Each structure stands twice: as structure tokens, then as C-alpha cells.
mmCIF file of all heavy atoms, coordinates in Angstrom:
data_MODEL
# 
_entry.id   MODEL 
# 
loop_
_atom_site.group_PDB 
_atom_site.id 
_atom_site.type_symbol 
_atom_site.label_atom_id 
_atom_site.label_alt_id 
_atom_site.label_comp_id 
_atom_site.label_asym_id 
_atom_site.label_entity_id 
_atom_site.label_seq_id 
_atom_site.pdbx_PDB_ins_code 
_atom_site.Cartn_x 
_atom_site.Cartn_y 
_atom_site.Cartn_z 
_atom_site.occupancy 
_atom_site.B_iso_or_equiv 
_atom_site.pdbx_formal_charge 
_atom_site.auth_seq_id 
_atom_site.auth_comp_id 
_atom_site.auth_asym_id 
_atom_site.auth_atom_id 
_atom_site.pdbx_PDB_model_num 
ATOM 1   N N   . SER A 1 1  ? 53.211 183.177 109.801 1.00 0.00 ? 1  SER A N   1 
ATOM 2   C CA  . SER A 1 1  ? 53.867 183.982 108.654 1.00 0.00 ? 1  SER A CA  1 
ATOM 3   C C   . SER A 1 1  ? 55.350 183.722 108.672 1.00 0.00 ? 1  SER A C   1 
ATOM 4   O O   . SER A 1 1  ? 56.046 183.766 109.739 1.00 0.00 ? 1  SER A O   1 
ATOM 5   C CB  . SER A 1 1  ? 53.580 185.442 108.814 1.00 0.00 ? 1  SER A CB  1 
ATOM 6   O OG  . SER A 1 1  ? 52.342 185.798 108.237 1.00 0.00 ? 1  SER A OG  1 
ATOM 7   N N   . THR A 1 2  ? 55.886 183.670 107.480 1.00 0.00 ? 2  THR A N   1 
ATOM 8   C CA  . THR A 1 2  ? 57.313 183.466 107.345 1.00 0.00 ? 2  THR A CA  1 
ATOM 9   C C   . THR A 1 2  ? 57.812 184.630 106.462 1.00 0.00 ? 2  THR A C   1 
ATOM 10  O O   . THR A 1 2  ? 57.155 185.179 105.618 1.00 0.00 ? 2  THR A O   1 
ATOM 11  C CB  . THR A 1 2  ? 57.614 182.158 106.648 1.00 0.00 ? 2  THR A CB  1 
ATOM 12  O OG1 . THR A 1 2  ? 56.946 182.058 105.347 1.00 0.00 ? 2  THR A OG1 1 
ATOM 13  C CG2 . THR A 1 2  ? 57.304 181.011 107.491 1.00 0.00 ? 2  THR A CG2 1 
ATOM 14  N N   . ILE A 1 3  ? 59.066 185.066 106.644 1.00 0.00 ? 3  ILE A N   1 
ATOM 15  C CA  . ILE A 1 3  ? 59.645 186.057 105.994 1.00 0.00 ? 3  ILE A CA  1 
ATOM 16  C C   . ILE A 1 3  ? 60.445 185.495 104.759 1.00 0.00 ? 3  ILE A C   1 
ATOM 17  O O   . ILE A 1 3  ? 61.255 184.495 105.004 1.00 0.00 ? 3  ILE A O   1 
ATOM 18  C CB  . ILE A 1 3  ? 60.593 186.885 106.928 1.00 0.00 ? 3  ILE A CB  1 
ATOM 19  C CG1 . ILE A 1 3  ? 59.749 187.559 108.009 1.00 0.00 ? 3  ILE A CG1 1 
ATOM 20  C CG2 . ILE A 1 3  ? 61.426 187.964 106.147 1.00 0.00 ? 3  ILE A CG2 1 
ATOM 21  C CD1 . ILE A 1 3  ? 60.554 188.107 109.137 1.00 0.00 ? 3  ILE A CD1 1 
ATOM 22  N N   . TYR A 1 4  ? 60.278 186.051 103.602 1.00 0.00 ? 4  TYR A N   1 
ATOM 23  C CA  . TYR A 1 4  ? 61.032 185.549 102.429 1.00 0.00 ? 4  TYR A CA  1 
ATOM 24  C C   . TYR A 1 4  ? 61.488 186.781 101.589 1.00 0.00 ? 4  TYR A C   1 
ATOM 25  O O   . TYR A 1 4  ? 60.810 187.710 101.287 1.00 0.00 ? 4  TYR A O   1 
ATOM 26  C CB  . TYR A 1 4  ? 60.020 184.803 101.597 1.00 0.00 ? 4  TYR A CB  1 
ATOM 27  C CG  . TYR A 1 4  ? 60.716 184.162 100.356 1.00 0.00 ? 4  TYR A CG  1 
ATOM 28  C CD1 . TYR A 1 4  ? 61.450 182.971 100.465 1.00 0.00 ? 4  TYR A CD1 1 
ATOM 29  C CD2 . TYR A 1 4  ? 60.725 184.863 99.167  1.00 0.00 ? 4  TYR A CD2 1 
ATOM 30  C CE1 . TYR A 1 4  ? 62.055 182.490 99.311  1.00 0.00 ? 4  TYR A CE1 1 
ATOM 31  C CE2 . TYR A 1 4  ? 61.368 184.355 98.043  1.00 0.00 ? 4  TYR A CE2 1 
ATOM 32  C CZ  . TYR A 1 4  ? 61.997 183.143 98.161  1.00 0.00 ? 4  TYR A CZ  1 
ATOM 33  O OH  . TYR A 1 4  ? 62.737 182.678 97.053  1.00 0.00 ? 4  TYR A OH  1 
ATOM 34  N N   . PRO A 1 5  ? 62.802 186.798 101.273 1.00 0.00 ? 5  PRO A N   1 
ATOM 35  C CA  . PRO A 1 5  ? 63.816 185.887 101.872 1.00 0.00 ? 5  PRO A CA  1 
ATOM 36  C C   . PRO A 1 5  ? 63.988 186.094 103.352 1.00 0.00 ? 5  PRO A C   1 
ATOM 37  O O   . PRO A 1 5  ? 63.742 187.152 103.849 1.00 0.00 ? 5  PRO A O   1 
ATOM 38  C CB  . PRO A 1 5  ? 65.149 186.293 101.165 1.00 0.00 ? 5  PRO A CB  1 
ATOM 39  C CG  . PRO A 1 5  ? 64.652 187.115 99.922  1.00 0.00 ? 5  PRO A CG  1 
ATOM 40  C CD  . PRO A 1 5  ? 63.379 187.759 100.317 1.00 0.00 ? 5  PRO A CD  1 
ATOM 41  N N   . ARG A 1 6  ? 64.438 185.078 104.023 1.00 0.00 ? 6  ARG A N   1 
ATOM 42  C CA  . ARG A 1 6  ? 64.446 185.044 105.529 1.00 0.00 ? 6  ARG A CA  1 
ATOM 43  C C   . ARG A 1 6  ? 65.532 186.128 105.940 1.00 0.00 ? 6  ARG A C   1 
ATOM 44  O O   . ARG A 1 6  ? 66.620 186.280 105.278 1.00 0.00 ? 6  ARG A O   1 
ATOM 45  C CB  . ARG A 1 6  ? 64.974 183.703 106.022 1.00 0.00 ? 6  ARG A CB  1 
ATOM 46  C CG  . ARG A 1 6  ? 64.986 183.560 107.566 1.00 0.00 ? 6  ARG A CG  1 
ATOM 47  C CD  . ARG A 1 6  ? 65.368 182.159 107.897 1.00 0.00 ? 6  ARG A CD  1 
ATOM 48  N NE  . ARG A 1 6  ? 65.529 182.072 109.346 1.00 0.00 ? 6  ARG A NE  1 
ATOM 49  C CZ  . ARG A 1 6  ? 64.550 181.598 110.105 1.00 0.00 ? 6  ARG A CZ  1 
ATOM 50  N NH1 . ARG A 1 6  ? 63.328 181.392 109.595 1.00 0.00 ? 6  ARG A NH1 1 
ATOM 51  N NH2 . ARG A 1 6  ? 64.683 181.377 111.460 1.00 0.00 ? 6  ARG A NH2 1 
ATOM 52  N N   . SER A 1 7  ? 65.252 186.861 106.890 1.00 0.00 ? 7  SER A N   1 
ATOM 53  C CA  . SER A 1 7  ? 66.199 187.905 107.430 1.00 0.00 ? 7  SER A CA  1 
ATOM 54  C C   . SER A 1 7  ? 67.377 187.193 108.161 1.00 0.00 ? 7  SER A C   1 
ATOM 55  O O   . SER A 1 7  ? 67.241 186.083 108.591 1.00 0.00 ? 7  SER A O   1 
ATOM 56  C CB  . SER A 1 7  ? 65.488 188.899 108.406 1.00 0.00 ? 7  SER A CB  1 
ATOM 57  O OG  . SER A 1 7  ? 64.723 188.195 109.319 1.00 0.00 ? 7  SER A OG  1 
ATOM 58  N N   . ASN A 1 8  ? 68.480 187.924 108.256 1.00 0.00 ? 8  ASN A N   1 
ATOM 59  C CA  . ASN A 1 8  ? 69.686 187.395 108.848 1.00 0.00 ? 8  ASN A CA  1 
ATOM 60  C C   . ASN A 1 8  ? 69.739 187.721 110.373 1.00 0.00 ? 8  ASN A C   1 
ATOM 61  O O   . ASN A 1 8  ? 69.240 188.795 110.745 1.00 0.00 ? 8  ASN A O   1 
ATOM 62  C CB  . ASN A 1 8  ? 70.947 187.927 108.160 1.00 0.00 ? 8  ASN A CB  1 
ATOM 63  C CG  . ASN A 1 8  ? 70.953 187.606 106.649 1.00 0.00 ? 8  ASN A CG  1 
ATOM 64  O OD1 . ASN A 1 8  ? 70.625 186.496 106.338 1.00 0.00 ? 8  ASN A OD1 1 
ATOM 65  N ND2 . ASN A 1 8  ? 71.243 188.612 105.804 1.00 0.00 ? 8  ASN A ND2 1 
ATOM 66  N N   . PRO A 1 9  ? 70.317 186.858 111.137 1.00 0.00 ? 9  PRO A N   1 
ATOM 67  C CA  . PRO A 1 9  ? 70.498 187.167 112.625 1.00 0.00 ? 9  PRO A CA  1 
ATOM 68  C C   . PRO A 1 9  ? 71.197 188.514 112.773 1.00 0.00 ? 9  PRO A C   1 
ATOM 69  O O   . PRO A 1 9  ? 72.175 188.764 112.118 1.00 0.00 ? 9  PRO A O   1 
ATOM 70  C CB  . PRO A 1 9  ? 71.357 185.955 113.075 1.00 0.00 ? 9  PRO A CB  1 
ATOM 71  C CG  . PRO A 1 9  ? 70.989 184.904 112.204 1.00 0.00 ? 9  PRO A CG  1 
ATOM 72  C CD  . PRO A 1 9  ? 70.808 185.456 110.806 1.00 0.00 ? 9  PRO A CD  1 
ATOM 73  N N   . GLY A 1 10 ? 70.629 189.291 113.675 1.00 0.00 ? 10 GLY A N   1 
ATOM 74  C CA  . GLY A 1 10 ? 71.234 190.608 113.975 1.00 0.00 ? 10 GLY A CA  1 
ATOM 75  C C   . GLY A 1 10 ? 70.731 191.684 113.108 1.00 0.00 ? 10 GLY A C   1 
ATOM 76  O O   . GLY A 1 10 ? 71.049 192.951 113.419 1.00 0.00 ? 10 GLY A O   1 
ATOM 77  N N   . GLU A 1 11 ? 70.059 191.455 111.967 1.00 0.00 ? 11 GLU A N   1 
ATOM 78  C CA  . GLU A 1 11 ? 69.561 192.516 111.137 1.00 0.00 ? 11 GLU A CA  1 
ATOM 79  C C   . GLU A 1 11 ? 68.379 193.247 111.834 1.00 0.00 ? 11 GLU A C   1 
ATOM 80  O O   . GLU A 1 11 ? 67.695 192.760 112.639 1.00 0.00 ? 11 GLU A O   1 
ATOM 81  C CB  . GLU A 1 11 ? 69.007 191.883 109.847 1.00 0.00 ? 11 GLU A CB  1 
ATOM 82  C CG  . GLU A 1 11 ? 69.961 191.711 108.768 1.00 0.00 ? 11 GLU A CG  1 
ATOM 83  C CD  . GLU A 1 11 ? 69.364 191.305 107.468 1.00 0.00 ? 11 GLU A CD  1 
ATOM 84  O OE1 . GLU A 1 11 ? 68.472 190.474 107.405 1.00 0.00 ? 11 GLU A OE1 1 
ATOM 85  O OE2 . GLU A 1 11 ? 69.738 191.953 106.434 1.00 0.00 ? 11 GLU A OE2 1 
ATOM 86  N N   . ARG A 1 12 ? 68.209 194.538 111.451 1.00 0.00 ? 12 ARG A N   1 
ATOM 87  C CA  . ARG A 1 12 ? 67.055 195.291 111.922 1.00 0.00 ? 12 ARG A CA  1 
ATOM 88  C C   . ARG A 1 12 ? 66.203 195.540 110.707 1.00 0.00 ? 12 ARG A C   1 
ATOM 89  O O   . ARG A 1 12 ? 66.634 195.806 109.603 1.00 0.00 ? 12 ARG A O   1 
ATOM 90  C CB  . ARG A 1 12 ? 67.555 196.601 112.483 1.00 0.00 ? 12 ARG A CB  1 
ATOM 91  C CG  . ARG A 1 12 ? 68.208 196.566 113.855 1.00 0.00 ? 12 ARG A CG  1 
ATOM 92  C CD  . ARG A 1 12 ? 68.908 197.875 114.256 1.00 0.00 ? 12 ARG A CD  1 
ATOM 93  N NE  . ARG A 1 12 ? 70.007 198.092 113.215 1.00 0.00 ? 12 ARG A NE  1 
ATOM 94  C CZ  . ARG A 1 12 ? 70.749 199.207 113.327 1.00 0.00 ? 12 ARG A CZ  1 
ATOM 95  N NH1 . ARG A 1 12 ? 70.493 200.223 114.219 1.00 0.00 ? 12 ARG A NH1 1 
ATOM 96  N NH2 . ARG A 1 12 ? 71.675 199.402 112.470 1.00 0.00 ? 12 ARG A NH2 1 
ATOM 97  N N   . LEU A 1 13 ? 64.881 195.372 110.915 1.00 0.00 ? 13 LEU A N   1 
ATOM 98  C CA  . LEU A 1 13 ? 63.877 195.457 109.870 1.00 0.00 ? 13 LEU A CA  1 
ATOM 99  C C   . LEU A 1 13 ? 63.001 196.597 110.066 1.00 0.00 ? 13 LEU A C   1 
ATOM 100 O O   . LEU A 1 13 ? 62.542 196.915 111.091 1.00 0.00 ? 13 LEU A O   1 
ATOM 101 C CB  . LEU A 1 13 ? 63.073 194.173 109.804 1.00 0.00 ? 13 LEU A CB  1 
ATOM 102 C CG  . LEU A 1 13 ? 63.633 192.992 108.982 1.00 0.00 ? 13 LEU A CG  1 
ATOM 103 C CD1 . LEU A 1 13 ? 64.923 192.483 109.661 1.00 0.00 ? 13 LEU A CD1 1 
ATOM 104 C CD2 . LEU A 1 13 ? 62.582 191.898 108.829 1.00 0.00 ? 13 LEU A CD2 1 
ATOM 105 N N   . ILE A 1 14 ? 62.722 197.284 108.924 1.00 0.00 ? 14 ILE A N   1 
ATOM 106 C CA  . ILE A 1 14 ? 61.687 198.372 108.846 1.00 0.00 ? 14 ILE A CA  1 
ATOM 107 C C   . ILE A 1 14 ? 60.576 197.843 107.971 1.00 0.00 ? 14 ILE A C   1 
ATOM 108 O O   . ILE A 1 14 ? 60.731 197.463 106.887 1.00 0.00 ? 14 ILE A O   1 
ATOM 109 C CB  . ILE A 1 14 ? 62.288 199.617 108.133 1.00 0.00 ? 14 ILE A CB  1 
ATOM 110 C CG1 . ILE A 1 14 ? 63.464 200.238 109.018 1.00 0.00 ? 14 ILE A CG1 1 
ATOM 111 C CG2 . ILE A 1 14 ? 61.218 200.665 108.023 1.00 0.00 ? 14 ILE A CG2 1 
ATOM 112 C CD1 . ILE A 1 14 ? 64.102 201.442 108.412 1.00 0.00 ? 14 ILE A CD1 1 
ATOM 113 N N   . TYR A 1 15 ? 59.333 197.875 108.460 1.00 0.00 ? 15 TYR A N   1 
ATOM 114 C CA  . TYR A 1 15 ? 58.134 197.514 107.822 1.00 0.00 ? 15 TYR A CA  1 
ATOM 115 C C   . TYR A 1 15 ? 57.658 198.690 106.956 1.00 0.00 ? 15 TYR A C   1 
ATOM 116 O O   . TYR A 1 15 ? 57.753 199.835 107.386 1.00 0.00 ? 15 TYR A O   1 
ATOM 117 C CB  . TYR A 1 15 ? 57.087 197.166 108.876 1.00 0.00 ? 15 TYR A CB  1 
ATOM 118 C CG  . TYR A 1 15 ? 55.668 196.852 108.282 1.00 0.00 ? 15 TYR A CG  1 
ATOM 119 C CD1 . TYR A 1 15 ? 55.471 195.767 107.471 1.00 0.00 ? 15 TYR A CD1 1 
ATOM 120 C CD2 . TYR A 1 15 ? 54.670 197.711 108.619 1.00 0.00 ? 15 TYR A CD2 1 
ATOM 121 C CE1 . TYR A 1 15 ? 54.270 195.439 106.995 1.00 0.00 ? 15 TYR A CE1 1 
ATOM 122 C CE2 . TYR A 1 15 ? 53.369 197.462 108.122 1.00 0.00 ? 15 TYR A CE2 1 
ATOM 123 C CZ  . TYR A 1 15 ? 53.135 196.393 107.278 1.00 0.00 ? 15 TYR A CZ  1 
ATOM 124 O OH  . TYR A 1 15 ? 51.891 196.119 106.817 1.00 0.00 ? 15 TYR A OH  1 
ATOM 125 N N   . ARG A 1 16 ? 57.202 198.313 105.782 1.00 0.00 ? 16 ARG A N   1 
ATOM 126 C CA  . ARG A 1 16 ? 56.576 199.300 104.852 1.00 0.00 ? 16 ARG A CA  1 
ATOM 127 C C   . ARG A 1 16 ? 55.276 198.652 104.323 1.00 0.00 ? 16 ARG A C   1 
ATOM 128 O O   . ARG A 1 16 ? 55.415 197.822 103.407 1.00 0.00 ? 16 ARG A O   1 
ATOM 129 C CB  . ARG A 1 16 ? 57.501 199.692 103.745 1.00 0.00 ? 16 ARG A CB  1 
ATOM 130 C CG  . ARG A 1 16 ? 58.462 200.911 104.092 1.00 0.00 ? 16 ARG A CG  1 
ATOM 131 C CD  . ARG A 1 16 ? 57.721 202.062 104.478 1.00 0.00 ? 16 ARG A CD  1 
ATOM 132 N NE  . ARG A 1 16 ? 56.995 202.698 103.357 1.00 0.00 ? 16 ARG A NE  1 
ATOM 133 C CZ  . ARG A 1 16 ? 56.060 203.658 103.541 1.00 0.00 ? 16 ARG A CZ  1 
ATOM 134 N NH1 . ARG A 1 16 ? 55.861 204.136 104.726 1.00 0.00 ? 16 ARG A NH1 1 
ATOM 135 N NH2 . ARG A 1 16 ? 55.446 204.143 102.462 1.00 0.00 ? 16 ARG A NH2 1 
ATOM 136 N N   . GLY A 1 17 ? 54.148 199.009 104.917 1.00 0.00 ? 17 GLY A N   1 
ATOM 137 C CA  . GLY A 1 17 ? 52.985 198.349 104.394 1.00 0.00 ? 17 GLY A CA  1 
ATOM 138 C C   . GLY A 1 17 ? 51.724 198.879 105.043 1.00 0.00 ? 17 GLY A C   1 
ATOM 139 O O   . GLY A 1 17 ? 51.665 200.034 105.578 1.00 0.00 ? 17 GLY A O   1 
ATOM 140 N N   . TRP A 1 18 ? 50.619 198.058 105.053 1.00 0.00 ? 18 TRP A N   1 
ATOM 141 C CA  . TRP A 1 18 ? 49.425 198.445 105.565 1.00 0.00 ? 18 TRP A CA  1 
ATOM 142 C C   . TRP A 1 18 ? 49.346 198.621 107.001 1.00 0.00 ? 18 TRP A C   1 
ATOM 143 O O   . TRP A 1 18 ? 50.204 198.069 107.760 1.00 0.00 ? 18 TRP A O   1 
ATOM 144 C CB  . TRP A 1 18 ? 48.254 197.348 105.253 1.00 0.00 ? 18 TRP A CB  1 
ATOM 145 C CG  . TRP A 1 18 ? 48.261 196.916 103.783 1.00 0.00 ? 18 TRP A CG  1 
ATOM 146 C CD1 . TRP A 1 18 ? 48.740 195.739 103.249 1.00 0.00 ? 18 TRP A CD1 1 
ATOM 147 C CD2 . TRP A 1 18 ? 47.851 197.788 102.683 1.00 0.00 ? 18 TRP A CD2 1 
ATOM 148 N NE1 . TRP A 1 18 ? 48.595 195.758 101.903 1.00 0.00 ? 18 TRP A NE1 1 
ATOM 149 C CE2 . TRP A 1 18 ? 48.075 196.991 101.469 1.00 0.00 ? 18 TRP A CE2 1 
ATOM 150 C CE3 . TRP A 1 18 ? 47.298 199.033 102.557 1.00 0.00 ? 18 TRP A CE3 1 
ATOM 151 C CZ2 . TRP A 1 18 ? 47.654 197.410 100.192 1.00 0.00 ? 18 TRP A CZ2 1 
ATOM 152 C CZ3 . TRP A 1 18 ? 46.935 199.485 101.305 1.00 0.00 ? 18 TRP A CZ3 1 
ATOM 153 C CH2 . TRP A 1 18 ? 47.168 198.719 100.138 1.00 0.00 ? 18 TRP A CH2 1 
ATOM 154 N N   . MET A 1 19 ? 48.510 199.494 107.593 1.00 0.00 ? 19 MET A N   1 
ATOM 155 C CA  . MET A 1 19 ? 48.333 199.649 108.959 1.00 0.00 ? 19 MET A CA  1 
ATOM 156 C C   . MET A 1 19 ? 48.012 198.277 109.723 1.00 0.00 ? 19 MET A C   1 
ATOM 157 O O   . MET A 1 19 ? 47.273 197.542 109.229 1.00 0.00 ? 19 MET A O   1 
ATOM 158 C CB  . MET A 1 19 ? 47.304 200.640 109.381 1.00 0.00 ? 19 MET A CB  1 
ATOM 159 C CG  . MET A 1 19 ? 47.654 202.070 108.882 1.00 0.00 ? 19 MET A CG  1 
ATOM 160 S SD  . MET A 1 19 ? 46.269 203.266 109.366 1.00 0.00 ? 19 MET A SD  1 
ATOM 161 C CE  . MET A 1 19 ? 46.946 204.741 108.709 1.00 0.00 ? 19 MET A CE  1 
ATOM 162 N N   . LEU A 1 20 ? 48.658 198.133 110.934 1.00 0.00 ? 20 LEU A N   1 
ATOM 163 C CA  . LEU A 1 20 ? 48.460 196.906 111.635 1.00 0.00 ? 20 LEU A CA  1 
ATOM 164 C C   . LEU A 1 20 ? 47.856 197.283 113.062 1.00 0.00 ? 20 LEU A C   1 
ATOM 165 O O   . LEU A 1 20 ? 48.279 198.219 113.666 1.00 0.00 ? 20 LEU A O   1 
ATOM 166 C CB  . LEU A 1 20 ? 49.744 196.129 111.859 1.00 0.00 ? 20 LEU A CB  1 
ATOM 167 C CG  . LEU A 1 20 ? 50.418 195.604 110.568 1.00 0.00 ? 20 LEU A CG  1 
ATOM 168 C CD1 . LEU A 1 20 ? 51.773 194.940 110.987 1.00 0.00 ? 20 LEU A CD1 1 
ATOM 169 C CD2 . LEU A 1 20 ? 49.531 194.581 109.809 1.00 0.00 ? 20 LEU A CD2 1 
ATOM 170 N N   . ALA A 1 21 ? 46.936 196.431 113.474 1.00 0.00 ? 21 ALA A N   1 
ATOM 171 C CA  . ALA A 1 21 ? 46.385 196.592 114.844 1.00 0.00 ? 21 ALA A CA  1 
ATOM 172 C C   . ALA A 1 21 ? 47.477 196.188 115.787 1.00 0.00 ? 21 ALA A C   1 
ATOM 173 O O   . ALA A 1 21 ? 48.432 195.477 115.386 1.00 0.00 ? 21 ALA A O   1 
ATOM 174 C CB  . ALA A 1 21 ? 45.182 195.766 114.976 1.00 0.00 ? 21 ALA A CB  1 
ATOM 175 N N   . PRO A 1 22 ? 47.408 196.663 117.019 1.00 0.00 ? 22 PRO A N   1 
ATOM 176 C CA  . PRO A 1 22 ? 48.538 196.450 118.086 1.00 0.00 ? 22 PRO A CA  1 
ATOM 177 C C   . PRO A 1 22 ? 48.845 194.933 118.116 1.00 0.00 ? 22 PRO A C   1 
ATOM 178 O O   . PRO A 1 22 ? 49.965 194.610 118.150 1.00 0.00 ? 22 PRO A O   1 
ATOM 179 C CB  . PRO A 1 22 ? 47.909 196.895 119.316 1.00 0.00 ? 22 PRO A CB  1 
ATOM 180 C CG  . PRO A 1 22 ? 47.000 197.973 118.927 1.00 0.00 ? 22 PRO A CG  1 
ATOM 181 C CD  . PRO A 1 22 ? 46.411 197.530 117.658 1.00 0.00 ? 22 PRO A CD  1 
ATOM 182 N N   . ASP A 1 23 ? 47.820 194.049 118.246 1.00 0.00 ? 23 ASP A N   1 
ATOM 183 C CA  . ASP A 1 23 ? 48.167 192.607 118.379 1.00 0.00 ? 23 ASP A CA  1 
ATOM 184 C C   . ASP A 1 23 ? 48.827 192.057 117.155 1.00 0.00 ? 23 ASP A C   1 
ATOM 185 O O   . ASP A 1 23 ? 49.754 191.252 117.264 1.00 0.00 ? 23 ASP A O   1 
ATOM 186 C CB  . ASP A 1 23 ? 46.908 191.849 118.656 1.00 0.00 ? 23 ASP A CB  1 
ATOM 187 C CG  . ASP A 1 23 ? 46.319 192.052 119.994 1.00 0.00 ? 23 ASP A CG  1 
ATOM 188 O OD1 . ASP A 1 23 ? 46.993 192.700 120.889 1.00 0.00 ? 23 ASP A OD1 1 
ATOM 189 O OD2 . ASP A 1 23 ? 45.121 191.745 120.291 1.00 0.00 ? 23 ASP A OD2 1 
ATOM 190 N N   . ASP A 1 24 ? 48.477 192.495 116.007 1.00 0.00 ? 24 ASP A N   1 
ATOM 191 C CA  . ASP A 1 24 ? 49.174 192.067 114.752 1.00 0.00 ? 24 ASP A CA  1 
ATOM 192 C C   . ASP A 1 24 ? 50.589 192.549 114.684 1.00 0.00 ? 24 ASP A C   1 
ATOM 193 O O   . ASP A 1 24 ? 51.461 191.825 114.135 1.00 0.00 ? 24 ASP A O   1 
ATOM 194 C CB  . ASP A 1 24 ? 48.349 192.455 113.507 1.00 0.00 ? 24 ASP A CB  1 
ATOM 195 C CG  . ASP A 1 24 ? 47.051 191.643 113.325 1.00 0.00 ? 24 ASP A CG  1 
ATOM 196 O OD1 . ASP A 1 24 ? 47.080 190.511 113.816 1.00 0.00 ? 24 ASP A OD1 1 
ATOM 197 O OD2 . ASP A 1 24 ? 46.146 192.116 112.628 1.00 0.00 ? 24 ASP A OD2 1 
ATOM 198 N N   . TYR A 1 25 ? 50.781 193.749 115.119 1.00 0.00 ? 25 TYR A N   1 
ATOM 199 C CA  . TYR A 1 25 ? 52.125 194.303 115.102 1.00 0.00 ? 25 TYR A CA  1 
ATOM 200 C C   . TYR A 1 25 ? 53.025 193.488 116.095 1.00 0.00 ? 25 TYR A C   1 
ATOM 201 O O   . TYR A 1 25 ? 54.148 193.250 115.825 1.00 0.00 ? 25 TYR A O   1 
ATOM 202 C CB  . TYR A 1 25 ? 52.174 195.795 115.464 1.00 0.00 ? 25 TYR A CB  1 
ATOM 203 C CG  . TYR A 1 25 ? 53.450 196.382 115.056 1.00 0.00 ? 25 TYR A CG  1 
ATOM 204 C CD1 . TYR A 1 25 ? 53.686 196.911 113.776 1.00 0.00 ? 25 TYR A CD1 1 
ATOM 205 C CD2 . TYR A 1 25 ? 54.514 196.489 116.053 1.00 0.00 ? 25 TYR A CD2 1 
ATOM 206 C CE1 . TYR A 1 25 ? 54.946 197.462 113.429 1.00 0.00 ? 25 TYR A CE1 1 
ATOM 207 C CE2 . TYR A 1 25 ? 55.719 197.147 115.642 1.00 0.00 ? 25 TYR A CE2 1 
ATOM 208 C CZ  . TYR A 1 25 ? 55.957 197.557 114.365 1.00 0.00 ? 25 TYR A CZ  1 
ATOM 209 O OH  . TYR A 1 25 ? 57.234 198.107 114.018 1.00 0.00 ? 25 TYR A OH  1 
ATOM 210 N N   . SER A 1 26 ? 52.510 193.128 117.261 1.00 0.00 ? 26 SER A N   1 
ATOM 211 C CA  . SER A 1 26 ? 53.220 192.267 118.128 1.00 0.00 ? 26 SER A CA  1 
ATOM 212 C C   . SER A 1 26 ? 53.576 190.988 117.523 1.00 0.00 ? 26 SER A C   1 
ATOM 213 O O   . SER A 1 26 ? 54.725 190.429 117.762 1.00 0.00 ? 26 SER A O   1 
ATOM 214 C CB  . SER A 1 26 ? 52.392 192.038 119.378 1.00 0.00 ? 26 SER A CB  1 
ATOM 215 O OG  . SER A 1 26 ? 52.124 193.125 120.051 1.00 0.00 ? 26 SER A OG  1 
ATOM 216 N N   . ILE A 1 27 ? 52.650 190.345 116.788 1.00 0.00 ? 27 ILE A N   1 
ATOM 217 C CA  . ILE A 1 27 ? 53.033 189.124 116.065 1.00 0.00 ? 27 ILE A CA  1 
ATOM 218 C C   . ILE A 1 27 ? 54.076 189.324 114.981 1.00 0.00 ? 27 ILE A C   1 
ATOM 219 O O   . ILE A 1 27 ? 54.932 188.484 114.811 1.00 0.00 ? 27 ILE A O   1 
ATOM 220 C CB  . ILE A 1 27 ? 51.750 188.627 115.407 1.00 0.00 ? 27 ILE A CB  1 
ATOM 221 C CG1 . ILE A 1 27 ? 50.656 188.207 116.521 1.00 0.00 ? 27 ILE A CG1 1 
ATOM 222 C CG2 . ILE A 1 27 ? 52.087 187.335 114.671 1.00 0.00 ? 27 ILE A CG2 1 
ATOM 223 C CD1 . ILE A 1 27 ? 49.329 187.764 115.968 1.00 0.00 ? 27 ILE A CD1 1 
ATOM 224 N N   . LEU A 1 28 ? 54.087 190.441 114.311 1.00 0.00 ? 28 LEU A N   1 
ATOM 225 C CA  . LEU A 1 28 ? 55.108 190.815 113.403 1.00 0.00 ? 28 LEU A CA  1 
ATOM 226 C C   . LEU A 1 28 ? 56.413 190.904 114.037 1.00 0.00 ? 28 LEU A C   1 
ATOM 227 O O   . LEU A 1 28 ? 57.489 190.383 113.589 1.00 0.00 ? 28 LEU A O   1 
ATOM 228 C CB  . LEU A 1 28 ? 54.683 192.166 112.698 1.00 0.00 ? 28 LEU A CB  1 
ATOM 229 C CG  . LEU A 1 28 ? 55.772 192.642 111.717 1.00 0.00 ? 28 LEU A CG  1 
ATOM 230 C CD1 . LEU A 1 28 ? 56.005 191.751 110.488 1.00 0.00 ? 28 LEU A CD1 1 
ATOM 231 C CD2 . LEU A 1 28 ? 55.487 194.082 111.261 1.00 0.00 ? 28 LEU A CD2 1 
ATOM 232 N N   . VAL A 1 29 ? 56.465 191.495 115.208 1.00 0.00 ? 29 VAL A N   1 
ATOM 233 C CA  . VAL A 1 29 ? 57.763 191.623 115.962 1.00 0.00 ? 29 VAL A CA  1 
ATOM 234 C C   . VAL A 1 29 ? 58.221 190.289 116.279 1.00 0.00 ? 29 VAL A C   1 
ATOM 235 O O   . VAL A 1 29 ? 59.491 189.913 116.209 1.00 0.00 ? 29 VAL A O   1 
ATOM 236 C CB  . VAL A 1 29 ? 57.505 192.582 117.243 1.00 0.00 ? 29 VAL A CB  1 
ATOM 237 C CG1 . VAL A 1 29 ? 58.689 192.469 118.159 1.00 0.00 ? 29 VAL A CG1 1 
ATOM 238 C CG2 . VAL A 1 29 ? 57.267 194.006 116.841 1.00 0.00 ? 29 VAL A CG2 1 
# 
């Protein structure tokens, strides 16, 4: 998965979406 637009170095991201299983959340991180 790629992030679009790409986040900037040093930014902090808050996810707003569907529930994720632990392994999927780890992949998101």
C-alpha cells in the first residue's frame, strides 16, 4: 500500500477508517 499524497518526513498521522486486525495495523504503521 502507498499513501497518497505521500506523507512528509517527521509528520504524525491519525488514521480514520475501518477497524483493522492487529497484523494489518502493524503493516499500516
